[in-house]
Amino acid sequence: MSTLHTVNKSPFGNTALSSCLGHCLTGDAVLLIEDAVYGALDGSAMASEVKARMGEVALYVLEGDLKARGIDAGKLISGAQPVGYDGFVDLVTEHDRTQSWL
């Protein structure tokens, strides 16, 4: 049984992303939305922690939130997958449950 974890808080002022990554199981997915998209930036303070889980956990980033913050998808950690709103819905239906990290 897999879980889709959604995180919406910036990793630079909140520990939600770090806590999420610590609780993810192999086969889970993490979707970064709103200010959490900063956690997927290559070279950021969170990059090494996020990269350490990439082989076990899929990482997705909401495209609309990247665009709203002026972030180009080319600046993301290798393997981070931008998804649109339709992709968000697909992720919810592909996983057995959804966990929101606040």
PDB file of N, CA and C in Angstrom:
ATOM      1  N   MET A   1       0.853  -1.181   0.000  1.00  0.00           N
ATOM      2  CA  MET A   1       0.000   0.000   0.000  1.00  0.00           C
ATOM      3  C   MET A   1       0.891   1.234   0.000  1.00  0.00           C
ATOM      4  N   SER A   2       0.707   2.053  -0.997  1.00  0.00           N
ATOM      5  CA  SER A   2       1.549   3.243  -1.120  1.00  0.00           C
ATOM      6  C   SER A   2       0.800   4.492  -0.686  1.00  0.00           C
ATOM      7  N   THR A   3       1.580   5.480  -0.319  1.00  0.00           N
ATOM      8  CA  THR A   3       1.034   6.750   0.153  1.00  0.00           C
ATOM      9  C   THR A   3       1.567   7.885  -0.702  1.00  0.00           C
ATOM     10  N   LEU A   4       0.687   8.817  -1.041  1.00  0.00           N
ATOM     11  CA  LEU A   4       1.086  10.081  -1.643  1.00  0.00           C
ATOM     12  C   LEU A   4       1.175  11.087  -0.508  1.00  0.00           C
ATOM     13  N   HIS A   5       2.357  11.631  -0.303  1.00  0.00           N
ATOM     14  CA  HIS A   5       2.583  12.644   0.725  1.00  0.00           C
ATOM     15  C   HIS A   5       2.591  14.009   0.049  1.00  0.00           C
ATOM     16  N   THR A   6       1.791  14.941   0.549  1.00  0.00           N
ATOM     17  CA  THR A   6       1.821  16.304   0.017  1.00  0.00           C
ATOM     18  C   THR A   6       2.393  17.234   1.080  1.00  0.00           C
ATOM     19  N   VAL A   7       3.275  18.112   0.625  1.00  0.00           N
ATOM     20  CA  VAL A   7       3.911  19.083   1.519  1.00  0.00           C
ATOM     21  C   VAL A   7       3.706  20.453   0.897  1.00  0.00           C
ATOM     22  N   ASN A   8       3.258  21.431   1.715  1.00  0.00           N
ATOM     23  CA  ASN A   8       3.006  22.768   1.173  1.00  0.00           C
ATOM     24  C   ASN A   8       3.805  23.883   1.845  1.00  0.00           C
ATOM     25  N   LYS A   9       4.599  23.572   2.834  1.00  0.00           N
ATOM     26  CA  LYS A   9       5.358  24.614   3.553  1.00  0.00           C
ATOM     27  C   LYS A   9       6.801  24.663   3.072  1.00  0.00           C
ATOM     28  N   SER A  10       7.373  25.855   3.049  1.00  0.00           N
ATOM     29  CA  SER A  10       8.775  26.023   2.677  1.00  0.00           C
ATOM     30  C   SER A  10       9.660  25.220   3.625  1.00  0.00           C
ATOM     31  N   PRO A  11      10.631  24.494   3.088  1.00  0.00           N
ATOM     32  CA  PRO A  11      11.521  23.726   3.959  1.00  0.00           C
ATOM     33  C   PRO A  11      12.502  24.600   4.731  1.00  0.00           C
ATOM     34  N   PHE A  12      12.514  25.888   4.448  1.00  0.00           N
ATOM     35  CA  PHE A  12      13.459  26.788   5.099  1.00  0.00           C
ATOM     36  C   PHE A  12      12.876  27.468   6.331  1.00  0.00           C
ATOM     37  N   GLY A  13      11.587  27.265   6.578  1.00  0.00           N
ATOM     38  CA  GLY A  13      10.971  27.837   7.767  1.00  0.00           C
ATOM     39  C   GLY A  13      10.090  26.839   8.492  1.00  0.00           C
ATOM     40  N   ASN A  14      10.165  25.567   8.065  1.00  0.00           N
ATOM     41  CA  ASN A  14       9.271  24.547   8.585  1.00  0.00           C
ATOM     42  C   ASN A  14       9.955  23.188   8.401  1.00  0.00           C
ATOM     43  N   THR A  15       9.670  22.247   9.264  1.00  0.00           N
ATOM     44  CA  THR A  15      10.300  20.927   9.175  1.00  0.00           C
ATOM     45  C   THR A  15       9.418  19.875   8.506  1.00  0.00           C
ATOM     46  N   ALA A  16       8.309  20.289   7.895  1.00  0.00           N
ATOM     47  CA  ALA A  16       7.367  19.326   7.319  1.00  0.00           C
ATOM     48  C   ALA A  16       8.016  18.429   6.269  1.00  0.00           C
ATOM     49  N   LEU A  17       8.815  18.993   5.365  1.00  0.00           N
ATOM     50  CA  LEU A  17       9.427  18.173   4.318  1.00  0.00           C
ATOM     51  C   LEU A  17      10.407  17.171   4.916  1.00  0.00           C
ATOM     52  N   SER A  18      11.216  17.605   5.829  1.00  0.00           N
ATOM     53  CA  SER A  18      12.173  16.711   6.475  1.00  0.00           C
ATOM     54  C   SER A  18      11.448  15.590   7.227  1.00  0.00           C
ATOM     55  N   SER A  19      10.403  15.933   7.954  1.00  0.00           N
ATOM     56  CA  SER A  19       9.613  14.922   8.672  1.00  0.00           C
ATOM     57  C   SER A  19       8.966  13.945   7.697  1.00  0.00           C
ATOM     58  N   CYS A  20       8.426  14.486   6.621  1.00  0.00           N
ATOM     59  CA  CYS A  20       7.799  13.660   5.591  1.00  0.00           C
ATOM     60  C   CYS A  20       8.793  12.650   5.039  1.00  0.00           C
ATOM     61  N   LEU A  21       9.962  13.124   4.643  1.00  0.00           N
ATOM     62  CA  LEU A  21      10.978  12.238   4.067  1.00  0.00           C
ATOM     63  C   LEU A  21      11.391  11.150   5.053  1.00  0.00           C
ATOM     64  N   GLY A  22      11.405  11.483   6.323  1.00  0.00           N
ATOM     65  CA  GLY A  22      11.759  10.509   7.345  1.00  0.00           C
ATOM     66  C   GLY A  22      10.714   9.428   7.558  1.00  0.00           C
ATOM     67  N   HIS A  23       9.477   9.707   7.176  1.00  0.00           N
ATOM     68  CA  HIS A  23       8.389   8.751   7.371  1.00  0.00           C
ATOM     69  C   HIS A  23       8.007   7.994   6.102  1.00  0.00           C
ATOM     70  N   CYS A  24       8.495   8.430   4.953  1.00  0.00           N
ATOM     71  CA  CYS A  24       8.144   7.777   3.690  1.00  0.00           C
ATOM     72  C   CYS A  24       8.683   6.354   3.642  1.00  0.00           C
ATOM     73  N   LEU A  25       7.903   5.491   3.030  1.00  0.00           N
ATOM     74  CA  LEU A  25       8.314   4.114   2.801  1.00  0.00           C
ATOM     75  C   LEU A  25       8.653   3.934   1.324  1.00  0.00           C
ATOM     76  N   THR A  26       9.417   2.917   1.020  1.00  0.00           N
ATOM     77  CA  THR A  26       9.744   2.619  -0.369  1.00  0.00           C
ATOM     78  C   THR A  26       8.450   2.455  -1.165  1.00  0.00           C
ATOM     79  N   GLY A  27       8.380   3.120  -2.312  1.00  0.00           N
ATOM     80  CA  GLY A  27       7.189   3.067  -3.151  1.00  0.00           C
ATOM     81  C   GLY A  27       6.234   4.224  -2.941  1.00  0.00           C
ATOM     82  N   ASP A  28       6.462   5.018  -1.907  1.00  0.00           N
ATOM     83  CA  ASP A  28       5.639   6.207  -1.685  1.00  0.00           C
ATOM     84  C   ASP A  28       6.042   7.304  -2.667  1.00  0.00           C
ATOM     85  N   ALA A  29       5.227   8.342  -2.730  1.00  0.00           N
ATOM     86  CA  ALA A  29       5.526   9.504  -3.565  1.00  0.00           C
ATOM     87  C   ALA A  29       5.339  10.762  -2.734  1.00  0.00           C
ATOM     88  N   VAL A  30       6.132  11.782  -3.045  1.00  0.00           N
ATOM     89  CA  VAL A  30       6.028  13.082  -2.385  1.00  0.00           C
ATOM     90  C   VAL A  30       5.700  14.107  -3.456  1.00  0.00           C
ATOM     91  N   LEU A  31       4.660  14.894  -3.216  1.00  0.00           N
ATOM     92  CA  LEU A  31       4.288  15.985  -4.109  1.00  0.00           C
ATOM     93  C   LEU A  31       4.489  17.298  -3.370  1.00  0.00           C
ATOM     94  N   LEU A  32       5.378  18.126  -3.898  1.00  0.00           N
ATOM     95  CA  LEU A  32       5.633  19.438  -3.308  1.00  0.00           C
ATOM     96  C   LEU A  32       4.731  20.459  -3.973  1.00  0.00           C
ATOM     97  N   ILE A  33       3.978  21.189  -3.147  1.00  0.00           N
ATOM     98  CA  ILE A  33       3.063  22.217  -3.636  1.00  0.00           C
ATOM     99  C   ILE A  33       3.329  23.517  -2.877  1.00  0.00           C
ATOM    100  N   GLU A  34       2.768  24.598  -3.398  1.00  0.00           N
ATOM    101  CA  GLU A  34       2.912  25.916  -2.784  1.00  0.00           C
ATOM    102  C   GLU A  34       4.388  26.201  -2.491  1.00  0.00           C
ATOM    103  N   ASP A  35       4.733  26.710  -1.313  1.00  0.00           N
ATOM    104  CA  ASP A  35       6.123  27.079  -1.015  1.00  0.00           C
ATOM    105  C   ASP A  35       7.052  25.882  -0.820  1.00  0.00           C
ATOM    106  N   ALA A  36       6.508  24.687  -0.713  1.00  0.00           N
ATOM    107  CA  ALA A  36       7.363  23.502  -0.579  1.00  0.00           C
ATOM    108  C   ALA A  36       8.163  23.226  -1.844  1.00  0.00           C
ATOM    109  N   VAL A  37       7.761  23.817  -2.981  1.00  0.00           N
ATOM    110  CA  VAL A  37       8.506  23.579  -4.227  1.00  0.00           C
ATOM    111  C   VAL A  37       9.966  24.002  -4.099  1.00  0.00           C
ATOM    112  N   TYR A  38      10.264  24.924  -3.192  1.00  0.00           N
ATOM    113  CA  TYR A  38      11.657  25.342  -2.989  1.00  0.00           C
ATOM    114  C   TYR A  38      12.528  24.178  -2.514  1.00  0.00           C
ATOM    115  N   GLY A  39      11.937  23.186  -1.916  1.00  0.00           N
ATOM    116  CA  GLY A  39      12.678  22.023  -1.446  1.00  0.00           C
ATOM    117  C   GLY A  39      13.219  21.144  -2.558  1.00  0.00           C
ATOM    118  N   ALA A  40      12.741  21.341  -3.778  1.00  0.00           N
ATOM    119  CA  ALA A  40      13.206  20.543  -4.916  1.00  0.00           C
ATOM    120  C   ALA A  40      14.299  21.240  -5.718  1.00  0.00           C
ATOM    121  N   LEU A  41      14.728  22.418  -5.274  1.00  0.00           N
ATOM    122  CA  LEU A  41      15.765  23.144  -6.011  1.00  0.00           C
ATOM    123  C   LEU A  41      17.125  22.487  -5.823  1.00  0.00           C
ATOM    124  N   ASP A  42      17.792  22.207  -6.931  1.00  0.00           N
ATOM    125  CA  ASP A  42      19.128  21.628  -6.859  1.00  0.00           C
ATOM    126  C   ASP A  42      20.078  22.651  -6.251  1.00  0.00           C
ATOM    127  N   GLY A  43      20.899  22.214  -5.338  1.00  0.00           N
ATOM    128  CA  GLY A  43      21.850  23.106  -4.681  1.00  0.00           C
ATOM    129  C   GLY A  43      21.312  23.789  -3.437  1.00  0.00           C
ATOM    130  N   SER A  44      20.040  23.554  -3.103  1.00  0.00           N
ATOM    131  CA  SER A  44      19.469  24.167  -1.897  1.00  0.00           C
ATOM    132  C   SER A  44      19.943  23.414  -0.659  1.00  0.00           C
ATOM    133  N   ALA A  45      19.663  23.980   0.497  1.00  0.00           N
ATOM    134  CA  ALA A  45      20.042  23.353   1.762  1.00  0.00           C
ATOM    135  C   ALA A  45      19.359  21.998   1.951  1.00  0.00           C
ATOM    136  N   MET A  46      18.214  21.786   1.309  1.00  0.00           N
ATOM    137  CA  MET A  46      17.474  20.525   1.430  1.00  0.00           C
ATOM    138  C   MET A  46      17.862  19.507   0.371  1.00  0.00           C
ATOM    139  N   ALA A  47      18.622  19.913  -0.620  1.00  0.00           N
ATOM    140  CA  ALA A  47      18.877  19.055  -1.784  1.00  0.00           C
ATOM    141  C   ALA A  47      19.458  17.696  -1.405  1.00  0.00           C
ATOM    142  N   SER A  48      20.437  17.662  -0.532  1.00  0.00           N
ATOM    143  CA  SER A  48      21.064  16.376  -0.201  1.00  0.00           C
ATOM    144  C   SER A  48      20.091  15.449   0.522  1.00  0.00           C
ATOM    145  N   GLU A  49      19.264  16.001   1.394  1.00  0.00           N
ATOM    146  CA  GLU A  49      18.284  15.176   2.111  1.00  0.00           C
ATOM    147  C   GLU A  49      17.243  14.616   1.142  1.00  0.00           C
ATOM    148  N   VAL A  50      16.799  15.446   0.211  1.00  0.00           N
ATOM    149  CA  VAL A  50      15.816  15.000  -0.779  1.00  0.00           C
ATOM    150  C   VAL A  50      16.445  13.956  -1.701  1.00  0.00           C
ATOM    151  N   LYS A  51      17.647  14.224  -2.191  1.00  0.00           N
ATOM    152  CA  LYS A  51      18.323  13.288  -3.100  1.00  0.00           C
ATOM    153  C   LYS A  51      18.544  11.927  -2.449  1.00  0.00           C
ATOM    154  N   ALA A  52      18.786  11.909  -1.158  1.00  0.00           N
ATOM    155  CA  ALA A  52      19.035  10.652  -0.449  1.00  0.00           C
ATOM    156  C   ALA A  52      17.838   9.708  -0.505  1.00  0.00           C
ATOM    157  N   ARG A  53      16.644  10.244  -0.685  1.00  0.00           N
ATOM    158  CA  ARG A  53      15.428   9.416  -0.719  1.00  0.00           C
ATOM    159  C   ARG A  53      14.936   9.133  -2.135  1.00  0.00           C
ATOM    160  N   MET A  54      15.559   9.748  -3.136  1.00  0.00           N
ATOM    161  CA  MET A  54      15.051   9.673  -4.507  1.00  0.00           C
ATOM    162  C   MET A  54      14.983   8.251  -5.072  1.00  0.00           C
ATOM    163  N   GLY A  55      15.845   7.350  -4.685  1.00  0.00           N
ATOM    164  CA  GLY A  55      15.788   5.992  -5.202  1.00  0.00           C
ATOM    165  C   GLY A  55      14.620   5.186  -4.667  1.00  0.00           C
ATOM    166  N   GLU A  56      14.118   5.576  -3.516  1.00  0.00           N
ATOM    167  CA  GLU A  56      13.043   4.836  -2.856  1.00  0.00           C
ATOM    168  C   GLU A  56      11.690   5.520  -2.991  1.00  0.00           C
ATOM    169  N   VAL A  57      11.718   6.826  -3.135  1.00  0.00           N
ATOM    170  CA  VAL A  57      10.502   7.642  -3.115  1.00  0.00           C
ATOM    171  C   VAL A  57      10.480   8.519  -4.366  1.00  0.00           C
ATOM    172  N   ALA A  58       9.351   8.569  -5.048  1.00  0.00           N
ATOM    173  CA  ALA A  58       9.210   9.429  -6.228  1.00  0.00           C
ATOM    174  C   ALA A  58       8.921  10.858  -5.774  1.00  0.00           C
ATOM    175  N   LEU A  59       9.540  11.825  -6.444  1.00  0.00           N
ATOM    176  CA  LEU A  59       9.352  13.231  -6.090  1.00  0.00           C
ATOM    177  C   LEU A  59       8.678  13.967  -7.236  1.00  0.00           C
ATOM    178  N   TYR A  60       7.566  14.620  -6.933  1.00  0.00           N
ATOM    179  CA  TYR A  60       6.815  15.408  -7.907  1.00  0.00           C
ATOM    180  C   TYR A  60       6.708  16.840  -7.404  1.00  0.00           C
ATOM    181  N   VAL A  61       6.617  17.770  -8.354  1.00  0.00           N
ATOM    182  CA  VAL A  61       6.516  19.188  -8.018  1.00  0.00           C
ATOM    183  C   VAL A  61       5.402  19.782  -8.871  1.00  0.00           C
ATOM    184  N   LEU A  62       4.489  20.506  -8.250  1.00  0.00           N
ATOM    185  CA  LEU A  62       3.355  21.068  -8.979  1.00  0.00           C
ATOM    186  C   LEU A  62       3.808  22.221  -9.875  1.00  0.00           C
ATOM    187  N   GLU A  63       3.597  22.061 -11.183  1.00  0.00           N
ATOM    188  CA  GLU A  63       4.060  23.042 -12.172  1.00  0.00           C
ATOM    189  C   GLU A  63       3.503  24.440 -11.936  1.00  0.00           C
ATOM    190  N   GLY A  64       2.238  24.534 -11.610  1.00  0.00           N
ATOM    191  CA  GLY A  64       1.624  25.842 -11.397  1.00  0.00           C
ATOM    192  C   GLY A  64       2.294  26.615 -10.277  1.00  0.00           C
ATOM    193  N   ASP A  65       2.728  25.912  -9.243  1.00  0.00           N
ATOM    194  CA  ASP A  65       3.398  26.568  -8.124  1.00  0.00           C
ATOM    195  C   ASP A  65       4.834  26.944  -8.477  1.00  0.00           C
ATOM    196  N   LEU A  66       5.481  26.157  -9.333  1.00  0.00           N
ATOM    197  CA  LEU A  66       6.802  26.555  -9.836  1.00  0.00           C
ATOM    198  C   LEU A  66       6.686  27.859 -10.624  1.00  0.00           C
ATOM    199  N   LYS A  67       5.727  27.886 -11.538  1.00  0.00           N
ATOM    200  CA  LYS A  67       5.531  29.071 -12.384  1.00  0.00           C
ATOM    201  C   LYS A  67       5.170  30.294 -11.559  1.00  0.00           C
ATOM    202  N   ALA A  68       4.319  30.114 -10.562  1.00  0.00           N
ATOM    203  CA  ALA A  68       3.895  31.237  -9.719  1.00  0.00           C
ATOM    204  C   ALA A  68       5.067  31.853  -8.963  1.00  0.00           C
ATOM    205  N   ARG A  69       6.109  31.061  -8.749  1.00  0.00           N
ATOM    206  CA  ARG A  69       7.287  31.541  -8.013  1.00  0.00           C
ATOM    207  C   ARG A  69       8.465  31.846  -8.937  1.00  0.00           C
ATOM    208  N   GLY A  70       8.225  31.779 -10.236  1.00  0.00           N
ATOM    209  CA  GLY A  70       9.265  32.104 -11.207  1.00  0.00           C
ATOM    210  C   GLY A  70      10.401  31.097 -11.253  1.00  0.00           C
ATOM    211  N   ILE A  71      10.114  29.851 -10.910  1.00  0.00           N
ATOM    212  CA  ILE A  71      11.144  28.812 -10.884  1.00  0.00           C
ATOM    213  C   ILE A  71      11.067  27.984 -12.163  1.00  0.00           C
ATOM    214  N   ASP A  72      12.186  27.888 -12.853  1.00  0.00           N
ATOM    215  CA  ASP A  72      12.285  27.075 -14.059  1.00  0.00           C
ATOM    216  C   ASP A  72      12.490  25.613 -13.662  1.00  0.00           C
ATOM    217  N   ALA A  73      11.790  24.701 -14.317  1.00  0.00           N
ATOM    218  CA  ALA A  73      11.896  23.275 -13.991  1.00  0.00           C
ATOM    219  C   ALA A  73      13.320  22.751 -14.167  1.00  0.00           C
ATOM    220  N   GLY A  74      14.130  23.415 -14.969  1.00  0.00           N
ATOM    221  CA  GLY A  74      15.518  23.016 -15.162  1.00  0.00           C
ATOM    222  C   GLY A  74      16.379  23.206 -13.922  1.00  0.00           C
ATOM    223  N   LYS A  75      15.889  23.919 -12.931  1.00  0.00           N
ATOM    224  CA  LYS A  75      16.634  24.158 -11.694  1.00  0.00           C
ATOM    225  C   LYS A  75      16.329  23.115 -10.616  1.00  0.00           C
ATOM    226  N   LEU A  76      15.473  22.144 -10.959  1.00  0.00           N
ATOM    227  CA  LEU A  76      15.080  21.127  -9.986  1.00  0.00           C
ATOM    228  C   LEU A  76      16.125  20.026  -9.874  1.00  0.00           C
ATOM    229  N   ILE A  77      16.110  19.348  -8.756  1.00  0.00           N
ATOM    230  CA  ILE A  77      16.938  18.170  -8.530  1.00  0.00           C
ATOM    231  C   ILE A  77      16.655  17.165  -9.643  1.00  0.00           C
ATOM    232  N   SER A  78      17.692  16.535 -10.139  1.00  0.00           N
ATOM    233  CA  SER A  78      17.527  15.516 -11.172  1.00  0.00           C
ATOM    234  C   SER A  78      16.591  14.418 -10.666  1.00  0.00           C
ATOM    235  N   GLY A  79      15.590  14.103 -11.451  1.00  0.00           N
ATOM    236  CA  GLY A  79      14.622  13.081 -11.061  1.00  0.00           C
ATOM    237  C   GLY A  79      13.327  13.643 -10.514  1.00  0.00           C
ATOM    238  N   ALA A  80      13.327  14.923 -10.123  1.00  0.00           N
ATOM    239  CA  ALA A  80      12.084  15.564  -9.674  1.00  0.00           C
ATOM    240  C   ALA A  80      11.202  15.766 -10.904  1.00  0.00           C
ATOM    241  N   GLN A  81       9.954  15.370 -10.802  1.00  0.00           N
ATOM    242  CA  GLN A  81       9.061  15.395 -11.950  1.00  0.00           C
ATOM    243  C   GLN A  81       7.982  16.463 -11.790  1.00  0.00           C
ATOM    244  N   PRO A  82       8.008  17.484 -12.638  1.00  0.00           N
ATOM    245  CA  PRO A  82       6.926  18.472 -12.600  1.00  0.00           C
ATOM    246  C   PRO A  82       5.621  17.829 -13.083  1.00  0.00           C
ATOM    247  N   VAL A  83       4.521  18.152 -12.420  1.00  0.00           N
ATOM    248  CA  VAL A  83       3.202  17.664 -12.833  1.00  0.00           C
ATOM    249  C   VAL A  83       2.214  18.818 -12.802  1.00  0.00           C
ATOM    250  N   GLY A  84       1.235  18.750 -13.686  1.00  0.00           N
ATOM    251  CA  GLY A  84       0.151  19.722 -13.687  1.00  0.00           C
ATOM    252  C   GLY A  84      -0.950  19.277 -12.734  1.00  0.00           C
ATOM    253  N   TYR A  85      -2.061  20.007 -12.774  1.00  0.00           N
ATOM    254  CA  TYR A  85      -3.164  19.668 -11.878  1.00  0.00           C
ATOM    255  C   TYR A  85      -3.770  18.308 -12.221  1.00  0.00           C
ATOM    256  N   ASP A  86      -3.804  17.963 -13.518  1.00  0.00           N
ATOM    257  CA  ASP A  86      -4.293  16.638 -13.907  1.00  0.00           C
ATOM    258  C   ASP A  86      -3.381  15.549 -13.351  1.00  0.00           C
ATOM    259  N   GLY A  87      -2.076  15.822 -13.356  1.00  0.00           N
ATOM    260  CA  GLY A  87      -1.115  14.878 -12.793  1.00  0.00           C
ATOM    261  C   GLY A  87      -1.301  14.702 -11.295  1.00  0.00           C
ATOM    262  N   PHE A  88      -1.661  15.790 -10.616  1.00  0.00           N
ATOM    263  CA  PHE A  88      -1.949  15.740  -9.180  1.00  0.00           C
ATOM    264  C   PHE A  88      -3.109  14.774  -8.934  1.00  0.00           C
ATOM    265  N   VAL A  89      -4.160  14.914  -9.723  1.00  0.00           N
ATOM    266  CA  VAL A  89      -5.322  14.033  -9.580  1.00  0.00           C
ATOM    267  C   VAL A  89      -4.916  12.584  -9.849  1.00  0.00           C
ATOM    268  N   ASP A  90      -4.113  12.372 -10.891  1.00  0.00           N
ATOM    269  CA  ASP A  90      -3.648  11.016 -11.202  1.00  0.00           C
ATOM    270  C   ASP A  90      -2.873  10.417 -10.033  1.00  0.00           C
ATOM    271  N   LEU A  91      -2.005  11.207  -9.419  1.00  0.00           N
ATOM    272  CA  LEU A  91      -1.223  10.716  -8.280  1.00  0.00           C
ATOM    273  C   LEU A  91      -2.130  10.289  -7.123  1.00  0.00           C
ATOM    274  N   VAL A  92      -3.161  11.071  -6.869  1.00  0.00           N
ATOM    275  CA  VAL A  92      -4.099  10.732  -5.790  1.00  0.00           C
ATOM    276  C   VAL A  92      -4.774   9.389  -6.077  1.00  0.00           C
ATOM    277  N   THR A  93      -5.173   9.184  -7.333  1.00  0.00           N
ATOM    278  CA  THR A  93      -5.878   7.938  -7.664  1.00  0.00           C
ATOM    279  C   THR A  93      -4.939   6.734  -7.744  1.00  0.00           C
ATOM    280  N   GLU A  94      -3.649   6.966  -7.987  1.00  0.00           N
ATOM    281  CA  GLU A  94      -2.680   5.874  -8.111  1.00  0.00           C
ATOM    282  C   GLU A  94      -2.185   5.349  -6.760  1.00  0.00           C
ATOM    283  N   HIS A  95      -2.401   6.114  -5.702  1.00  0.00           N
ATOM    284  CA  HIS A  95      -1.926   5.711  -4.376  1.00  0.00           C
ATOM    285  C   HIS A  95      -3.108   5.341  -3.489  1.00  0.00           C
ATOM    286  N   ASP A  96      -2.827   4.474  -2.527  1.00  0.00           N
ATOM    287  CA  ASP A  96      -3.888   3.973  -1.649  1.00  0.00           C
ATOM    288  C   ASP A  96      -4.400   5.020  -0.669  1.00  0.00           C
ATOM    289  N   ARG A  97      -3.532   5.935  -0.302  1.00  0.00           N
ATOM    290  CA  ARG A  97      -3.931   6.982   0.654  1.00  0.00           C
ATOM    291  C   ARG A  97      -3.083   8.229   0.411  1.00  0.00           C
ATOM    292  N   THR A  98      -3.554   9.330   0.965  1.00  0.00           N
ATOM    293  CA  THR A  98      -2.854  10.608   0.853  1.00  0.00           C
ATOM    294  C   THR A  98      -2.632  11.164   2.248  1.00  0.00           C
ATOM    295  N   GLN A  99      -1.411  11.633   2.488  1.00  0.00           N
ATOM    296  CA  GLN A  99      -1.038  12.234   3.773  1.00  0.00           C
ATOM    297  C   GLN A  99      -0.572  13.658   3.514  1.00  0.00           C
ATOM    298  N   SER A 100      -1.218  14.627   4.135  1.00  0.00           N
ATOM    299  CA  SER A 100      -0.800  16.027   4.018  1.00  0.00           C
ATOM    300  C   SER A 100       0.054  16.393   5.217  1.00  0.00           C
ATOM    301  N   TRP A 101       1.210  16.983   4.941  1.00  0.00           N
ATOM    302  CA  TRP A 101       2.131  17.417   5.988  1.00  0.00           C
ATOM    303  C   TRP A 101       2.001  18.916   6.151  1.00  0.00           C
ATOM    304  N   LEU A 102       1.691  19.355   7.360  1.00  0.00           N
ATOM    305  CA  LEU A 102       1.466  20.776   7.627  1.00  0.00           C
ATOM    306  C   LEU A 102       2.586  21.375   8.439  1.00  0.00           C
TER     307      LEU A 102
END
